[in-house]
Amino acid sequence: MKYKEQLMGYRKPTFSVEETMQTEKYQRLIHNSITARDRCEVKSWGYQFWNNVMNELIANARLSNGLN
């Protein structure tokens, strides 16, 4: 590492561009499912459907990031 980079506090990025894009994709999908769920009445089939979608997206996002 060059001296100038050390002074500027440079460090290599932790995530690759692909990982960041994948994370942002899951964030958008989860946000959209929460929005759709909140537009439905509680205990309705739509609320249950979007709640299940949200839970699956969260589980898939965690698995793709190596979290359990």
C-alpha atoms as a PDB file:
ATOM      1  CA  MET A   1       0.000   0.000   0.000  1.00  0.00           C
ATOM      2  CA  LYS A   2       1.290   3.426  -0.850  1.00  0.00           C
ATOM      3  CA  TYR A   3       2.050   5.968   1.830  1.00  0.00           C
ATOM      4  CA  LYS A   4      -0.576   8.429   0.501  1.00  0.00           C
ATOM      5  CA  GLU A   5      -3.275   5.736   0.653  1.00  0.00           C
ATOM      6  CA  GLN A   6      -2.335   5.031   4.275  1.00  0.00           C
ATOM      7  CA  LEU A   7      -2.707   8.707   5.154  1.00  0.00           C
ATOM      8  CA  MET A   8      -6.128   8.878   3.482  1.00  0.00           C
ATOM      9  CA  GLY A   9      -7.402   5.840   5.359  1.00  0.00           C
ATOM     10  CA  TYR A  10      -7.809   3.777   2.177  1.00  0.00           C
ATOM     11  CA  ARG A  11      -8.947   0.205   2.542  1.00  0.00           C
ATOM     12  CA  LYS A  12     -10.155  -2.337   0.063  1.00  0.00           C
ATOM     13  CA  PRO A  13     -13.924  -2.682  -0.271  1.00  0.00           C
ATOM     14  CA  THR A  14     -15.400  -5.539   1.731  1.00  0.00           C
ATOM     15  CA  PHE A  15     -18.033  -6.470  -0.847  1.00  0.00           C
ATOM     16  CA  SER A  16     -17.780  -6.860  -4.584  1.00  0.00           C
ATOM     17  CA  VAL A  17     -20.038  -4.943  -6.943  1.00  0.00           C
ATOM     18  CA  GLU A  18     -22.081  -8.101  -7.614  1.00  0.00           C
ATOM     19  CA  GLU A  19     -22.636  -8.702  -3.899  1.00  0.00           C
ATOM     20  CA  THR A  20     -23.695  -5.107  -3.384  1.00  0.00           C
ATOM     21  CA  MET A  21     -26.121  -5.265  -6.314  1.00  0.00           C
ATOM     22  CA  GLN A  22     -27.591  -8.516  -4.972  1.00  0.00           C
ATOM     23  CA  THR A  23     -28.047  -6.972  -1.529  1.00  0.00           C
ATOM     24  CA  GLU A  24     -29.734  -3.893  -3.004  1.00  0.00           C
ATOM     25  CA  LYS A  25     -32.034  -6.126  -5.056  1.00  0.00           C
ATOM     26  CA  TYR A  26     -33.163  -8.007  -1.950  1.00  0.00           C
ATOM     27  CA  GLN A  27     -33.651  -4.731  -0.076  1.00  0.00           C
ATOM     28  CA  ARG A  28     -35.938  -3.421  -2.836  1.00  0.00           C
ATOM     29  CA  LEU A  29     -37.915  -6.669  -3.029  1.00  0.00           C
ATOM     30  CA  ILE A  30     -38.347  -6.841   0.750  1.00  0.00           C
ATOM     31  CA  HIS A  31     -39.392  -3.183   0.901  1.00  0.00           C
ATOM     32  CA  ASN A  32     -41.942  -3.741  -1.884  1.00  0.00           C
ATOM     33  CA  SER A  33     -43.400  -6.804  -0.157  1.00  0.00           C
ATOM     34  CA  ILE A  34     -43.747  -4.864   3.111  1.00  0.00           C
ATOM     35  CA  THR A  35     -45.475  -2.015   1.257  1.00  0.00           C
ATOM     36  CA  ALA A  36     -47.881  -4.447  -0.428  1.00  0.00           C
ATOM     37  CA  ARG A  37     -48.552  -6.234   2.862  1.00  0.00           C
ATOM     38  CA  ASP A  38     -49.306  -2.978   4.649  1.00  0.00           C
ATOM     39  CA  ARG A  39     -51.904  -2.085   2.011  1.00  0.00           C
ATOM     40  CA  CYS A  40     -53.923  -5.200   2.873  1.00  0.00           C
ATOM     41  CA  GLU A  41     -56.192  -5.744   5.827  1.00  0.00           C
ATOM     42  CA  VAL A  42     -54.640  -7.683   8.684  1.00  0.00           C
ATOM     43  CA  LYS A  43     -55.620 -11.388   8.624  1.00  0.00           C
ATOM     44  CA  SER A  44     -56.667 -11.211   4.944  1.00  0.00           C
ATOM     45  CA  TRP A  45     -55.254 -13.617   2.355  1.00  0.00           C
ATOM     46  CA  GLY A  46     -53.299 -10.732   0.766  1.00  0.00           C
ATOM     47  CA  TYR A  47     -51.676  -9.814   4.067  1.00  0.00           C
ATOM     48  CA  GLN A  48     -50.701 -13.447   4.673  1.00  0.00           C
ATOM     49  CA  PHE A  49     -49.421 -13.842   1.099  1.00  0.00           C
ATOM     50  CA  TRP A  50     -47.152 -10.768   1.218  1.00  0.00           C
ATOM     51  CA  ASN A  51     -45.996 -11.649   4.724  1.00  0.00           C
ATOM     52  CA  ASN A  52     -44.928 -15.090   3.455  1.00  0.00           C
ATOM     53  CA  VAL A  53     -43.200 -13.497   0.449  1.00  0.00           C
ATOM     54  CA  MET A  54     -41.335 -11.137   2.764  1.00  0.00           C
ATOM     55  CA  ASN A  55     -40.223 -13.989   5.043  1.00  0.00           C
ATOM     56  CA  GLU A  56     -38.963 -16.028   2.076  1.00  0.00           C
ATOM     57  CA  LEU A  57     -37.059 -13.065   0.688  1.00  0.00           C
ATOM     58  CA  ILE A  58     -35.409 -12.450   4.044  1.00  0.00           C
ATOM     59  CA  ALA A  59     -34.447 -16.122   4.319  1.00  0.00           C
ATOM     60  CA  ASN A  60     -33.029 -16.137   0.772  1.00  0.00           C
ATOM     61  CA  ALA A  61     -31.113 -12.905   1.368  1.00  0.00           C
ATOM     62  CA  ARG A  62     -29.578 -14.313   4.518  1.00  0.00           C
ATOM     63  CA  LEU A  63     -28.565 -17.523   2.755  1.00  0.00           C
ATOM     64  CA  SER A  64     -27.044 -15.656  -0.188  1.00  0.00           C
ATOM     65  CA  ASN A  65     -24.964 -13.553   2.220  1.00  0.00           C
ATOM     66  CA  GLY A  66     -23.764 -16.586   4.143  1.00  0.00           C
ATOM     67  CA  LEU A  67     -25.858 -15.827   7.235  1.00  0.00           C
ATOM     68  CA  ASN A  68     -28.037 -18.411   8.919  1.00  0.00           C
END
